Amino acid sequence: MIAHIISLQEYAVWRDLVTNLNVILRTWESNNRVTEALHKLLRYLFVPIYDKLGWIQQPTHSDLDKLLRSVVLDKLGEAGYNEVIEVAKTRFQEFLMDRDSLPRDLRRVVFKLVMRNGGEQEYNTMVALFNEAIEPEDKTAALWAIGLSKQPELIRRALVRL
């Protein structure tokens, strides 16, 4: 059954699966053993799709593949898949040098992964992005990412400051 699911590359199927897995993850987030087991399952399910889609939209990829890519990157990053986290950090640094280097459909997930795996420096950079953003979706993505920091003090600071 799982092998059949993994072979599917349909956005709607994976989006529905992710929605349900998110409920389970939130329910058990205080239990590290269960959370790690769920993260292992996420890595098992999503790595094969990540291997097919990667980070870059190819001419053979559909618009649904583009949507699926964001879901896959988000879940693998949340599950601690180091390769995705490191590429997100690299892509973020490239974005800071050249705003056109990161497609709009990946900004939200890259910002999230950078903040979830960063600290003070990433917070300051994200606040600057929020303040400088011209496009509402970039402003929203930066603000959303700030709220996903693993450091409560940074979130508190953002609530007072922003």
N, C-alpha and C. Protein backbone atom coordinates (compact mmCIF):
# COMPACT_ATOMS: atom_id res chain seq x y z
N MET A 1 0.82 -1.20 0.00
CA MET A 1 0.00 0.00 0.00
C MET A 1 0.86 1.26 0.00
N ILE A 2 1.84 1.33 0.92
CA ILE A 2 2.69 2.51 0.99
C ILE A 2 3.52 2.65 -0.29
N ALA A 3 4.02 1.54 -0.83
CA ALA A 3 4.78 1.61 -2.07
C ALA A 3 3.93 2.19 -3.19
N HIS A 4 2.65 1.85 -3.22
CA HIS A 4 1.75 2.40 -4.23
C HIS A 4 1.57 3.91 -4.04
N ILE A 5 1.39 4.33 -2.80
CA ILE A 5 1.23 5.76 -2.52
C ILE A 5 2.48 6.53 -2.95
N ILE A 6 3.65 5.99 -2.61
CA ILE A 6 4.90 6.66 -2.97
C ILE A 6 5.05 6.80 -4.48
N SER A 7 4.55 5.82 -5.22
CA SER A 7 4.69 5.88 -6.68
C SER A 7 3.79 6.96 -7.29
N LEU A 8 2.76 7.38 -6.56
CA LEU A 8 1.90 8.45 -7.06
C LEU A 8 2.61 9.79 -6.94
N GLN A 9 2.43 10.62 -7.91
CA GLN A 9 3.02 11.95 -7.83
C GLN A 9 1.93 12.99 -8.07
N GLU A 10 0.78 12.77 -7.45
CA GLU A 10 -0.36 13.64 -7.61
C GLU A 10 -0.43 14.62 -6.44
N TYR A 11 -0.47 15.89 -6.78
CA TYR A 11 -0.50 16.94 -5.76
C TYR A 11 -1.67 16.75 -4.79
N ALA A 12 -2.87 16.51 -5.31
CA ALA A 12 -4.06 16.42 -4.45
C ALA A 12 -3.92 15.30 -3.43
N VAL A 13 -3.36 14.18 -3.82
CA VAL A 13 -3.17 13.05 -2.91
C VAL A 13 -2.21 13.44 -1.79
N TRP A 14 -1.09 14.05 -2.15
CA TRP A 14 -0.08 14.41 -1.16
C TRP A 14 -0.54 15.55 -0.27
N ARG A 15 -1.26 16.51 -0.84
CA ARG A 15 -1.78 17.62 -0.04
C ARG A 15 -2.73 17.09 1.04
N ASP A 16 -3.60 16.16 0.66
CA ASP A 16 -4.53 15.57 1.61
C ASP A 16 -3.78 14.77 2.68
N LEU A 17 -2.80 14.00 2.27
CA LEU A 17 -1.99 13.23 3.22
C LEU A 17 -1.29 14.16 4.21
N VAL A 18 -0.72 15.24 3.69
CA VAL A 18 -0.01 16.19 4.55
C VAL A 18 -0.97 16.84 5.55
N THR A 19 -2.15 17.20 5.10
CA THR A 19 -3.13 17.79 6.00
C THR A 19 -3.42 16.87 7.17
N ASN A 20 -3.61 15.60 6.88
CA ASN A 20 -3.89 14.63 7.94
C ASN A 20 -2.67 14.37 8.82
N LEU A 21 -1.50 14.29 8.22
CA LEU A 21 -0.27 14.09 9.01
C LEU A 21 0.00 15.29 9.92
N ASN A 22 -0.33 16.49 9.45
CA ASN A 22 -0.15 17.69 10.28
C ASN A 22 -0.99 17.61 11.54
N VAL A 23 -2.20 17.12 11.43
CA VAL A 23 -3.06 16.97 12.60
C VAL A 23 -2.42 16.00 13.60
N ILE A 24 -1.92 14.89 13.08
CA ILE A 24 -1.27 13.90 13.95
C ILE A 24 -0.01 14.49 14.59
N LEU A 25 0.79 15.19 13.78
CA LEU A 25 2.01 15.80 14.32
C LEU A 25 1.70 16.81 15.42
N ARG A 26 0.70 17.64 15.23
CA ARG A 26 0.35 18.66 16.24
C ARG A 26 -0.18 18.00 17.51
N THR A 27 -0.91 16.90 17.33
CA THR A 27 -1.47 16.19 18.48
C THR A 27 -0.37 15.58 19.34
N TRP A 28 0.68 15.08 18.71
CA TRP A 28 1.73 14.36 19.42
C TRP A 28 3.03 15.16 19.55
N GLU A 29 3.01 16.46 19.26
CA GLU A 29 4.26 17.22 19.22
C GLU A 29 5.02 17.24 20.55
N SER A 30 4.34 17.03 21.66
CA SER A 30 5.05 17.02 22.94
C SER A 30 5.70 15.67 23.25
N ASN A 31 5.43 14.66 22.43
CA ASN A 31 6.01 13.34 22.63
C ASN A 31 7.14 13.15 21.61
N ASN A 32 8.37 13.31 22.03
CA ASN A 32 9.52 13.27 21.12
C ASN A 32 9.64 11.94 20.38
N ARG A 33 9.33 10.86 21.04
CA ARG A 33 9.44 9.54 20.39
C ARG A 33 8.46 9.41 19.23
N VAL A 34 7.23 9.82 19.45
CA VAL A 34 6.22 9.76 18.40
C VAL A 34 6.56 10.74 17.28
N THR A 35 6.96 11.94 17.66
CA THR A 35 7.31 12.95 16.66
C THR A 35 8.45 12.47 15.78
N GLU A 36 9.47 11.88 16.37
CA GLU A 36 10.60 11.38 15.56
C GLU A 36 10.16 10.25 14.65
N ALA A 37 9.28 9.38 15.13
CA ALA A 37 8.77 8.30 14.28
C ALA A 37 7.98 8.87 13.10
N LEU A 38 7.18 9.90 13.35
CA LEU A 38 6.42 10.55 12.27
C LEU A 38 7.35 11.27 11.30
N HIS A 39 8.39 11.88 11.81
CA HIS A 39 9.38 12.53 10.94
C HIS A 39 10.10 11.51 10.07
N LYS A 40 10.39 10.36 10.64
CA LYS A 40 11.01 9.29 9.86
C LYS A 40 10.07 8.84 8.75
N LEU A 41 8.79 8.72 9.06
CA LEU A 41 7.79 8.36 8.05
C LEU A 41 7.72 9.43 6.95
N LEU A 42 7.74 10.70 7.34
CA LEU A 42 7.72 11.78 6.35
C LEU A 42 8.92 11.69 5.41
N ARG A 43 10.09 11.45 5.99
CA ARG A 43 11.29 11.33 5.15
C ARG A 43 11.16 10.15 4.20
N TYR A 44 10.65 9.04 4.70
CA TYR A 44 10.47 7.84 3.88
C TYR A 44 9.50 8.12 2.72
N LEU A 45 8.43 8.81 3.01
CA LEU A 45 7.42 9.07 1.99
C LEU A 45 7.86 10.12 0.97
N PHE A 46 8.53 11.17 1.43
CA PHE A 46 8.76 12.33 0.57
C PHE A 46 10.12 12.36 -0.13
N VAL A 47 11.11 11.64 0.35
CA VAL A 47 12.41 11.66 -0.32
C VAL A 47 12.32 11.19 -1.77
N PRO A 48 11.59 10.12 -2.08
CA PRO A 48 11.52 9.72 -3.50
C PRO A 48 10.93 10.80 -4.41
N ILE A 49 9.96 11.55 -3.90
CA ILE A 49 9.39 12.64 -4.71
C ILE A 49 10.39 13.78 -4.82
N TYR A 50 11.07 14.07 -3.72
CA TYR A 50 12.11 15.11 -3.74
C TYR A 50 13.18 14.75 -4.77
N ASP A 51 13.56 13.48 -4.81
CA ASP A 51 14.57 13.04 -5.77
C ASP A 51 14.11 13.27 -7.21
N LYS A 52 12.82 13.16 -7.46
CA LYS A 52 12.28 13.37 -8.80
C LYS A 52 12.11 14.85 -9.14
N LEU A 53 11.65 15.64 -8.17
CA LEU A 53 11.31 17.04 -8.45
C LEU A 53 12.45 18.02 -8.17
N GLY A 54 13.26 17.73 -7.15
CA GLY A 54 14.35 18.62 -6.79
C GLY A 54 13.86 20.02 -6.43
N TRP A 55 14.73 21.00 -6.64
CA TRP A 55 14.44 22.38 -6.29
C TRP A 55 14.06 23.23 -7.50
N ILE A 56 14.39 22.76 -8.68
CA ILE A 56 14.25 23.60 -9.87
C ILE A 56 13.16 23.08 -10.79
N GLN A 57 12.27 23.98 -11.17
CA GLN A 57 11.19 23.64 -12.09
C GLN A 57 11.78 23.32 -13.46
N GLN A 58 11.46 22.15 -13.96
CA GLN A 58 11.93 21.71 -15.27
C GLN A 58 10.80 21.86 -16.29
N PRO A 59 11.15 21.96 -17.57
CA PRO A 59 10.11 22.08 -18.60
C PRO A 59 9.11 20.92 -18.60
N THR A 60 9.55 19.76 -18.13
CA THR A 60 8.66 18.59 -18.10
C THR A 60 7.75 18.59 -16.87
N HIS A 61 7.99 19.49 -15.93
CA HIS A 61 7.17 19.57 -14.72
C HIS A 61 5.92 20.40 -14.98
N SER A 62 4.82 19.95 -14.41
CA SER A 62 3.55 20.66 -14.55
C SER A 62 3.41 21.71 -13.44
N ASP A 63 2.34 22.49 -13.54
CA ASP A 63 2.04 23.44 -12.47
C ASP A 63 1.73 22.71 -11.16
N LEU A 64 1.11 21.54 -11.27
CA LEU A 64 0.85 20.75 -10.06
C LEU A 64 2.15 20.22 -9.45
N ASP A 65 3.14 19.92 -10.29
CA ASP A 65 4.45 19.53 -9.78
C ASP A 65 5.07 20.68 -8.98
N LYS A 66 4.86 21.89 -9.45
CA LYS A 66 5.38 23.07 -8.75
C LYS A 66 4.75 23.17 -7.36
N LEU A 67 3.45 22.96 -7.28
CA LEU A 67 2.77 22.97 -5.99
C LEU A 67 3.26 21.83 -5.09
N LEU A 68 3.40 20.66 -5.68
CA LEU A 68 3.87 19.50 -4.94
C LEU A 68 5.29 19.72 -4.42
N ARG A 69 6.15 20.34 -5.20
CA ARG A 69 7.52 20.61 -4.79
C ARG A 69 7.53 21.40 -3.47
N SER A 70 6.72 22.42 -3.38
CA SER A 70 6.68 23.22 -2.15
C SER A 70 6.25 22.39 -0.95
N VAL A 71 5.27 21.53 -1.14
CA VAL A 71 4.80 20.66 -0.06
C VAL A 71 5.91 19.70 0.37
N VAL A 72 6.56 19.10 -0.60
CA VAL A 72 7.63 18.14 -0.32
C VAL A 72 8.79 18.80 0.42
N LEU A 73 9.22 19.95 -0.05
CA LEU A 73 10.32 20.65 0.61
C LEU A 73 9.95 21.05 2.03
N ASP A 74 8.74 21.52 2.19
CA ASP A 74 8.26 21.94 3.51
C ASP A 74 8.26 20.76 4.49
N LYS A 75 7.69 19.65 4.08
CA LYS A 75 7.59 18.50 4.98
C LYS A 75 8.95 17.88 5.26
N LEU A 76 9.81 17.81 4.25
CA LEU A 76 11.15 17.25 4.50
C LEU A 76 11.95 18.15 5.43
N GLY A 77 11.82 19.45 5.25
CA GLY A 77 12.49 20.37 6.15
C GLY A 77 11.98 20.24 7.57
N GLU A 78 10.66 20.14 7.71
CA GLU A 78 10.06 19.96 9.03
C GLU A 78 10.50 18.65 9.66
N ALA A 79 10.73 17.64 8.83
CA ALA A 79 11.14 16.33 9.33
C ALA A 79 12.64 16.24 9.56
N GLY A 80 13.35 17.36 9.39
CA GLY A 80 14.78 17.38 9.67
C GLY A 80 15.67 16.79 8.60
N TYR A 81 15.17 16.74 7.37
CA TYR A 81 15.98 16.20 6.27
C TYR A 81 17.06 17.22 5.93
N ASN A 82 18.28 16.93 6.35
CA ASN A 82 19.37 17.89 6.32
C ASN A 82 19.66 18.45 4.92
N GLU A 83 19.59 17.62 3.92
CA GLU A 83 19.88 18.10 2.56
C GLU A 83 18.96 19.25 2.17
N VAL A 84 17.69 19.13 2.44
CA VAL A 84 16.72 20.18 2.10
C VAL A 84 16.99 21.43 2.93
N ILE A 85 17.28 21.26 4.20
CA ILE A 85 17.56 22.41 5.07
C ILE A 85 18.80 23.16 4.59
N GLU A 86 19.85 22.44 4.26
CA GLU A 86 21.08 23.09 3.80
C GLU A 86 20.88 23.80 2.46
N VAL A 87 20.16 23.18 1.54
CA VAL A 87 19.89 23.84 0.26
C VAL A 87 19.04 25.08 0.49
N ALA A 88 18.07 25.00 1.40
CA ALA A 88 17.23 26.17 1.71
C ALA A 88 18.09 27.33 2.22
N LYS A 89 19.04 27.03 3.08
CA LYS A 89 19.93 28.07 3.60
C LYS A 89 20.76 28.69 2.47
N THR A 90 21.26 27.85 1.58
CA THR A 90 22.04 28.35 0.44
C THR A 90 21.17 29.20 -0.47
N ARG A 91 19.97 28.70 -0.77
CA ARG A 91 19.06 29.44 -1.64
C ARG A 91 18.68 30.78 -1.00
N PHE A 92 18.56 30.82 0.31
CA PHE A 92 18.23 32.06 1.01
C PHE A 92 19.37 33.07 0.88
N GLN A 93 20.60 32.61 1.04
CA GLN A 93 21.75 33.51 0.89
C GLN A 93 21.82 34.06 -0.53
N GLU A 94 21.55 33.21 -1.50
CA GLU A 94 21.51 33.67 -2.90
C GLU A 94 20.40 34.69 -3.10
N PHE A 95 19.26 34.47 -2.47
CA PHE A 95 18.13 35.39 -2.55
C PHE A 95 18.51 36.76 -1.98
N LEU A 96 19.26 36.78 -0.90
CA LEU A 96 19.67 38.05 -0.31
C LEU A 96 20.56 38.86 -1.25
N MET A 97 21.31 38.16 -2.10
CA MET A 97 22.18 38.83 -3.08
C MET A 97 21.41 39.21 -4.34
N ASP A 98 20.43 38.38 -4.71
CA ASP A 98 19.68 38.58 -5.94
C ASP A 98 18.25 38.11 -5.72
N ARG A 99 17.33 39.05 -5.55
CA ARG A 99 15.93 38.73 -5.23
C ARG A 99 15.25 37.86 -6.29
N ASP A 100 15.75 37.88 -7.51
CA ASP A 100 15.15 37.08 -8.58
C ASP A 100 15.66 35.64 -8.60
N SER A 101 16.60 35.32 -7.73
CA SER A 101 17.19 33.98 -7.74
C SER A 101 16.28 32.92 -7.12
N LEU A 102 15.29 33.35 -6.36
CA LEU A 102 14.40 32.41 -5.68
C LEU A 102 12.98 32.61 -6.18
N PRO A 103 12.43 31.60 -6.85
CA PRO A 103 11.07 31.74 -7.37
C PRO A 103 10.07 32.04 -6.23
N ARG A 104 9.07 32.80 -6.55
CA ARG A 104 8.07 33.20 -5.55
C ARG A 104 7.40 32.00 -4.89
N ASP A 105 7.20 30.93 -5.63
CA ASP A 105 6.52 29.77 -5.06
C ASP A 105 7.36 29.03 -4.01
N LEU A 106 8.66 29.33 -3.94
CA LEU A 106 9.52 28.67 -2.95
C LEU A 106 9.92 29.58 -1.80
N ARG A 107 9.61 30.85 -1.89
CA ARG A 107 10.06 31.79 -0.86
C ARG A 107 9.50 31.45 0.51
N ARG A 108 8.23 31.16 0.59
CA ARG A 108 7.61 30.89 1.89
C ARG A 108 8.29 29.70 2.57
N VAL A 109 8.50 28.62 1.83
CA VAL A 109 9.10 27.43 2.43
C VAL A 109 10.58 27.68 2.77
N VAL A 110 11.30 28.40 1.94
CA VAL A 110 12.70 28.70 2.24
C VAL A 110 12.80 29.59 3.47
N PHE A 111 11.98 30.63 3.53
CA PHE A 111 11.99 31.51 4.70
C PHE A 111 11.70 30.71 5.97
N LYS A 112 10.71 29.82 5.88
CA LYS A 112 10.34 28.99 7.03
C LYS A 112 11.51 28.14 7.50
N LEU A 113 12.14 27.44 6.55
CA LEU A 113 13.22 26.53 6.93
C LEU A 113 14.42 27.28 7.49
N VAL A 114 14.68 28.46 6.97
CA VAL A 114 15.79 29.27 7.48
C VAL A 114 15.50 29.71 8.92
N MET A 115 14.29 30.17 9.18
CA MET A 115 13.96 30.62 10.53
C MET A 115 13.88 29.46 11.51
N ARG A 116 13.30 28.34 11.10
CA ARG A 116 13.17 27.19 12.00
C ARG A 116 14.53 26.62 12.39
N ASN A 117 15.52 26.85 11.55
CA ASN A 117 16.86 26.30 11.79
C ASN A 117 17.89 27.39 12.02
N GLY A 118 17.42 28.58 12.36
CA GLY A 118 18.32 29.70 12.56
C GLY A 118 18.15 30.32 13.94
N GLY A 119 18.76 31.47 14.07
CA GLY A 119 18.72 32.17 15.35
C GLY A 119 18.64 33.66 15.16
N GLU A 120 19.40 34.37 15.98
CA GLU A 120 19.37 35.84 16.01
C GLU A 120 19.66 36.47 14.65
N GLN A 121 20.68 35.98 13.97
CA GLN A 121 21.06 36.56 12.67
C GLN A 121 19.93 36.40 11.65
N GLU A 122 19.36 35.21 11.61
CA GLU A 122 18.27 34.96 10.66
C GLU A 122 17.04 35.79 11.02
N TYR A 123 16.80 35.95 12.32
CA TYR A 123 15.69 36.79 12.77
C TYR A 123 15.87 38.22 12.28
N ASN A 124 17.06 38.77 12.50
CA ASN A 124 17.32 40.15 12.07
C ASN A 124 17.18 40.31 10.55
N THR A 125 17.66 39.32 9.82
CA THR A 125 17.54 39.37 8.37
C THR A 125 16.08 39.30 7.95
N MET A 126 15.31 38.44 8.60
CA MET A 126 13.90 38.28 8.24
C MET A 126 13.11 39.54 8.58
N VAL A 127 13.42 40.18 9.70
CA VAL A 127 12.76 41.44 10.06
C VAL A 127 13.07 42.50 9.01
N ALA A 128 14.33 42.55 8.57
CA ALA A 128 14.71 43.51 7.52
C ALA A 128 13.94 43.20 6.23
N LEU A 129 13.82 41.94 5.88
CA LEU A 129 13.04 41.57 4.68
C LEU A 129 11.59 41.99 4.83
N PHE A 130 11.03 41.77 6.00
CA PHE A 130 9.65 42.19 6.26
C PHE A 130 9.50 43.69 6.06
N ASN A 131 10.41 44.45 6.63
CA ASN A 131 10.33 45.92 6.56
C ASN A 131 10.57 46.45 5.15
N GLU A 132 11.41 45.77 4.38
CA GLU A 132 11.76 46.23 3.03
C GLU A 132 10.83 45.71 1.94
N ALA A 133 10.07 44.68 2.24
CA ALA A 133 9.28 44.01 1.21
C ALA A 133 8.29 44.98 0.55
N ILE A 134 8.24 44.89 -0.76
CA ILE A 134 7.30 45.68 -1.54
C ILE A 134 6.06 44.83 -1.84
N GLU A 135 6.30 43.59 -2.21
CA GLU A 135 5.21 42.67 -2.54
C GLU A 135 4.57 42.14 -1.26
N PRO A 136 3.24 42.21 -1.17
CA PRO A 136 2.57 41.72 0.05
C PRO A 136 2.89 40.26 0.36
N GLU A 137 3.04 39.41 -0.65
CA GLU A 137 3.31 38.00 -0.37
C GLU A 137 4.70 37.81 0.23
N ASP A 138 5.67 38.66 -0.13
CA ASP A 138 6.99 38.58 0.49
C ASP A 138 6.94 39.05 1.94
N LYS A 139 6.18 40.10 2.18
CA LYS A 139 6.01 40.63 3.54
C LYS A 139 5.35 39.57 4.42
N THR A 140 4.30 38.94 3.91
CA THR A 140 3.60 37.90 4.64
C THR A 140 4.50 36.69 4.89
N ALA A 141 5.27 36.29 3.89
CA ALA A 141 6.16 35.13 4.03
C ALA A 141 7.21 35.39 5.12
N ALA A 142 7.77 36.59 5.15
CA ALA A 142 8.78 36.93 6.16
C ALA A 142 8.16 36.94 7.56
N LEU A 143 7.01 37.56 7.69
CA LEU A 143 6.34 37.63 9.00
C LEU A 143 5.96 36.24 9.49
N TRP A 144 5.41 35.42 8.60
CA TRP A 144 5.02 34.05 8.93
C TRP A 144 6.24 33.26 9.41
N ALA A 145 7.35 33.41 8.69
CA ALA A 145 8.57 32.68 9.05
C ALA A 145 9.08 33.09 10.43
N ILE A 146 9.03 34.38 10.73
CA ILE A 146 9.48 34.86 12.04
C ILE A 146 8.70 34.15 13.14
N GLY A 147 7.41 33.99 12.94
CA GLY A 147 6.57 33.33 13.93
C GLY A 147 6.84 31.85 14.10
N LEU A 148 7.62 31.27 13.19
CA LEU A 148 7.93 29.84 13.25
C LEU A 148 9.30 29.55 13.87
N SER A 149 9.94 30.58 14.39
CA SER A 149 11.22 30.37 15.05
C SER A 149 11.05 29.38 16.20
N LYS A 150 12.09 28.60 16.45
CA LYS A 150 12.07 27.67 17.59
C LYS A 150 12.47 28.37 18.89
N GLN A 151 12.81 29.66 18.78
CA GLN A 151 13.27 30.40 19.95
C GLN A 151 12.16 31.36 20.41
N PRO A 152 11.48 31.03 21.50
CA PRO A 152 10.36 31.84 21.99
C PRO A 152 10.72 33.32 22.17
N GLU A 153 11.95 33.60 22.58
CA GLU A 153 12.35 34.99 22.79
C GLU A 153 12.29 35.80 21.49
N LEU A 154 12.67 35.18 20.39
CA LEU A 154 12.60 35.88 19.10
C LEU A 154 11.16 36.13 18.69
N ILE A 155 10.29 35.21 18.97
CA ILE A 155 8.87 35.41 18.67
C ILE A 155 8.31 36.53 19.53
N ARG A 156 8.65 36.52 20.82
CA ARG A 156 8.18 37.59 21.71
C ARG A 156 8.67 38.94 21.22
N ARG A 157 9.93 39.00 20.85
CA ARG A 157 10.50 40.24 20.35
C ARG A 157 9.76 40.73 19.11
N ALA A 158 9.44 39.81 18.24
CA ALA A 158 8.71 40.16 17.03
C ALA A 158 7.33 40.70 17.34
N LEU A 159 6.67 40.10 18.30
CA LEU A 159 5.32 40.55 18.68
C LEU A 159 5.34 41.98 19.21
N VAL A 160 6.38 42.33 19.94
CA VAL A 160 6.49 43.68 20.49
C VAL A 160 6.93 44.66 19.40
N ARG A 161 7.83 44.22 18.57
CA ARG A 161 8.47 45.10 17.57
C ARG A 161 7.63 45.32 16.32
N LEU A 162 7.03 44.26 15.83
CA LEU A 162 6.33 44.35 14.55
C LEU A 162 4.88 44.62 14.84
